[in-house]
């Protein structure tokens, strides 16, 4: 696995999402209400739509197209129509920089 710098820690406020690129992979970088950082695959498993255009709900991202929610820790959907998980990736914060390992 390779680590990529994808953002500065100041780029996202809590309850925010941002699409980033990590080694050519589209990643949905998320910051939950408590300030924790998460990275999941940016493409909804139900239909090819960017999750980073959705909203953060607790520890989940809601797809803006059909409302499926994906757990930020496991990538599992907890709301139809999605039934397949999206990939998750480790996030590290170092010296004010955000890194994702893919």
C-alpha atoms as a PDB file:
ATOM      1  CA  UNK A   1       0.000   0.000   0.000  1.00  0.00           C
ATOM      2  CA  UNK A   2       1.118   3.554  -0.742  1.00  0.00           C
ATOM      3  CA  UNK A   3       0.386   6.718   1.205  1.00  0.00           C
ATOM      4  CA  UNK A   4      -0.684   9.909  -0.611  1.00  0.00           C
ATOM      5  CA  UNK A   5      -0.983  13.456   0.686  1.00  0.00           C
ATOM      6  CA  UNK A   6      -4.509  14.522  -0.264  1.00  0.00           C
ATOM      7  CA  UNK A   7      -5.289  17.675   1.731  1.00  0.00           C
ATOM      8  CA  UNK A   8      -4.288  20.044   4.469  1.00  0.00           C
ATOM      9  CA  UNK A   9      -5.967  19.551   7.826  1.00  0.00           C
ATOM     10  CA  UNK A  10      -7.516  23.026   7.486  1.00  0.00           C
ATOM     11  CA  UNK A  11      -9.200  22.145   4.150  1.00  0.00           C
ATOM     12  CA  UNK A  12     -12.260  20.474   5.722  1.00  0.00           C
ATOM     13  CA  UNK A  13     -14.477  21.603   8.554  1.00  0.00           C
ATOM     14  CA  UNK A  14     -16.356  18.971  10.601  1.00  0.00           C
ATOM     15  CA  UNK A  15     -19.367  17.546   8.707  1.00  0.00           C
ATOM     16  CA  UNK A  16     -17.654  18.171   5.360  1.00  0.00           C
ATOM     17  CA  UNK A  17     -16.754  16.074   2.338  1.00  0.00           C
ATOM     18  CA  UNK A  18     -14.189  16.588  -0.398  1.00  0.00           C
ATOM     19  CA  UNK A  19     -13.325  14.554  -3.472  1.00  0.00           C
ATOM     20  CA  UNK A  20      -9.575  13.914  -3.652  1.00  0.00           C
ATOM     21  CA  UNK A  21      -7.282  11.796  -5.787  1.00  0.00           C
ATOM     22  CA  UNK A  22      -4.995   9.196  -4.195  1.00  0.00           C
ATOM     23  CA  UNK A  23      -2.822   7.411  -6.719  1.00  0.00           C
ATOM     24  CA  UNK A  24      -5.441   7.779  -9.432  1.00  0.00           C
ATOM     25  CA  UNK A  25      -8.327   6.594  -7.240  1.00  0.00           C
ATOM     26  CA  UNK A  26     -11.255   8.922  -6.570  1.00  0.00           C
ATOM     27  CA  UNK A  27     -11.624   9.170  -2.796  1.00  0.00           C
ATOM     28  CA  UNK A  28     -14.346  10.769  -0.701  1.00  0.00           C
ATOM     29  CA  UNK A  29     -12.488  12.415   2.170  1.00  0.00           C
ATOM     30  CA  UNK A  30     -14.825  12.983   5.103  1.00  0.00           C
ATOM     31  CA  UNK A  31     -14.641  14.739   8.427  1.00  0.00           C
ATOM     32  CA  UNK A  32     -17.268  13.697  10.938  1.00  0.00           C
ATOM     33  CA  UNK A  33     -18.989  15.901  13.490  1.00  0.00           C
ATOM     34  CA  UNK A  34     -16.410  14.998  16.159  1.00  0.00           C
ATOM     35  CA  UNK A  35     -13.561  16.009  13.815  1.00  0.00           C
ATOM     36  CA  UNK A  36     -12.381  12.486  12.920  1.00  0.00           C
ATOM     37  CA  UNK A  37     -11.137  11.865   9.376  1.00  0.00           C
ATOM     38  CA  UNK A  38     -12.261   9.061   7.040  1.00  0.00           C
ATOM     39  CA  UNK A  39     -11.637   8.027   3.444  1.00  0.00           C
ATOM     40  CA  UNK A  40     -13.975   5.866   1.352  1.00  0.00           C
ATOM     41  CA  UNK A  41     -14.302   5.190  -2.348  1.00  0.00           C
ATOM     42  CA  UNK A  42     -16.009   8.198  -3.917  1.00  0.00           C
ATOM     43  CA  UNK A  43     -18.272   6.252  -6.279  1.00  0.00           C
ATOM     44  CA  UNK A  44     -21.608   4.957  -4.957  1.00  0.00           C
ATOM     45  CA  UNK A  45     -21.887   1.190  -5.330  1.00  0.00           C
ATOM     46  CA  UNK A  46     -25.522   1.461  -6.444  1.00  0.00           C
ATOM     47  CA  UNK A  47     -25.025   3.865  -9.309  1.00  0.00           C
ATOM     48  CA  UNK A  48     -21.893   5.666 -10.476  1.00  0.00           C
ATOM     49  CA  UNK A  49     -22.331   8.912  -8.569  1.00  0.00           C
ATOM     50  CA  UNK A  50     -19.901  10.931  -6.467  1.00  0.00           C
ATOM     51  CA  UNK A  51     -20.437  10.418  -2.732  1.00  0.00           C
ATOM     52  CA  UNK A  52     -18.436  13.556  -1.977  1.00  0.00           C
ATOM     53  CA  UNK A  53     -21.385  15.567  -3.321  1.00  0.00           C
ATOM     54  CA  UNK A  54     -23.548  14.139  -0.519  1.00  0.00           C
ATOM     55  CA  UNK A  55     -23.790  14.833   3.196  1.00  0.00           C
ATOM     56  CA  UNK A  56     -22.252  13.514   6.410  1.00  0.00           C
ATOM     57  CA  UNK A  57     -24.760  12.011   8.867  1.00  0.00           C
ATOM     58  CA  UNK A  58     -23.012  10.948  12.085  1.00  0.00           C
ATOM     59  CA  UNK A  59     -20.466   8.382  10.881  1.00  0.00           C
ATOM     60  CA  UNK A  60     -22.047   7.887   7.467  1.00  0.00           C
ATOM     61  CA  UNK A  61     -22.082   9.530   4.042  1.00  0.00           C
ATOM     62  CA  UNK A  62     -25.379   9.870   2.226  1.00  0.00           C
ATOM     63  CA  UNK A  63     -25.361   9.566  -1.555  1.00  0.00           C
ATOM     64  CA  UNK A  64     -27.194  12.579  -2.989  1.00  0.00           C
ATOM     65  CA  UNK A  65     -28.657  10.608  -5.889  1.00  0.00           C
ATOM     66  CA  UNK A  66     -30.852   8.001  -4.153  1.00  0.00           C
ATOM     67  CA  UNK A  67     -30.178   8.451  -0.421  1.00  0.00           C
ATOM     68  CA  UNK A  68     -28.128   5.335   0.346  1.00  0.00           C
ATOM     69  CA  UNK A  69     -25.876   5.825   3.367  1.00  0.00           C
ATOM     70  CA  UNK A  70     -22.430   4.282   3.733  1.00  0.00           C
ATOM     71  CA  UNK A  71     -20.683   3.737   7.061  1.00  0.00           C
ATOM     72  CA  UNK A  72     -17.422   5.739   7.102  1.00  0.00           C
ATOM     73  CA  UNK A  73     -15.609   3.015   9.068  1.00  0.00           C
ATOM     74  CA  UNK A  74     -16.720  -0.135   7.240  1.00  0.00           C
ATOM     75  CA  UNK A  75     -18.046   1.167   3.903  1.00  0.00           C
ATOM     76  CA  UNK A  76     -21.213  -0.910   4.380  1.00  0.00           C
ATOM     77  CA  UNK A  77     -24.494   0.566   3.162  1.00  0.00           C
ATOM     78  CA  UNK A  78     -27.236   0.863   5.769  1.00  0.00           C
ATOM     79  CA  UNK A  79     -29.973   2.161   3.500  1.00  0.00           C
ATOM     80  CA  UNK A  80     -31.346   0.949   0.170  1.00  0.00           C
ATOM     81  CA  UNK A  81     -31.044   1.029  -2.772  1.00  0.00           C
ATOM     82  CA  UNK A  82     -27.289   0.303  -2.312  1.00  0.00           C
ATOM     83  CA  UNK A  83     -26.492  -3.240  -1.173  1.00  0.00           C
ATOM     84  CA  UNK A  84     -22.736  -3.435  -1.843  1.00  0.00           C
ATOM     85  CA  UNK A  85     -20.091  -1.723   0.299  1.00  0.00           C
ATOM     86  CA  UNK A  86     -17.625   0.888  -0.925  1.00  0.00           C
ATOM     87  CA  UNK A  87     -13.904   0.529  -0.101  1.00  0.00           C
ATOM     88  CA  UNK A  88     -12.438   2.282   2.939  1.00  0.00           C
ATOM     89  CA  UNK A  89      -8.879   3.553   3.336  1.00  0.00           C
ATOM     90  CA  UNK A  90      -6.704   4.441   6.339  1.00  0.00           C
ATOM     91  CA  UNK A  91      -6.211   8.159   7.037  1.00  0.00           C
ATOM     92  CA  UNK A  92      -3.222   9.647   8.862  1.00  0.00           C
ATOM     93  CA  UNK A  93      -2.754  13.251   9.976  1.00  0.00           C
ATOM     94  CA  UNK A  94       0.866  14.408  10.196  1.00  0.00           C
ATOM     95  CA  UNK A  95       2.117  17.954  10.675  1.00  0.00           C
ATOM     96  CA  UNK A  96      -1.201  19.432   9.542  1.00  0.00           C
ATOM     97  CA  UNK A  97      -1.333  17.309   6.377  1.00  0.00           C
ATOM     98  CA  UNK A  98      -3.895  14.573   5.556  1.00  0.00           C
ATOM     99  CA  UNK A  99      -2.631  11.311   4.044  1.00  0.00           C
ATOM    100  CA  UNK A 100      -4.644   8.402   2.635  1.00  0.00           C
ATOM    101  CA  UNK A 101      -3.193   4.914   2.197  1.00  0.00           C
ATOM    102  CA  UNK A 102      -4.396   2.986  -0.861  1.00  0.00           C
END
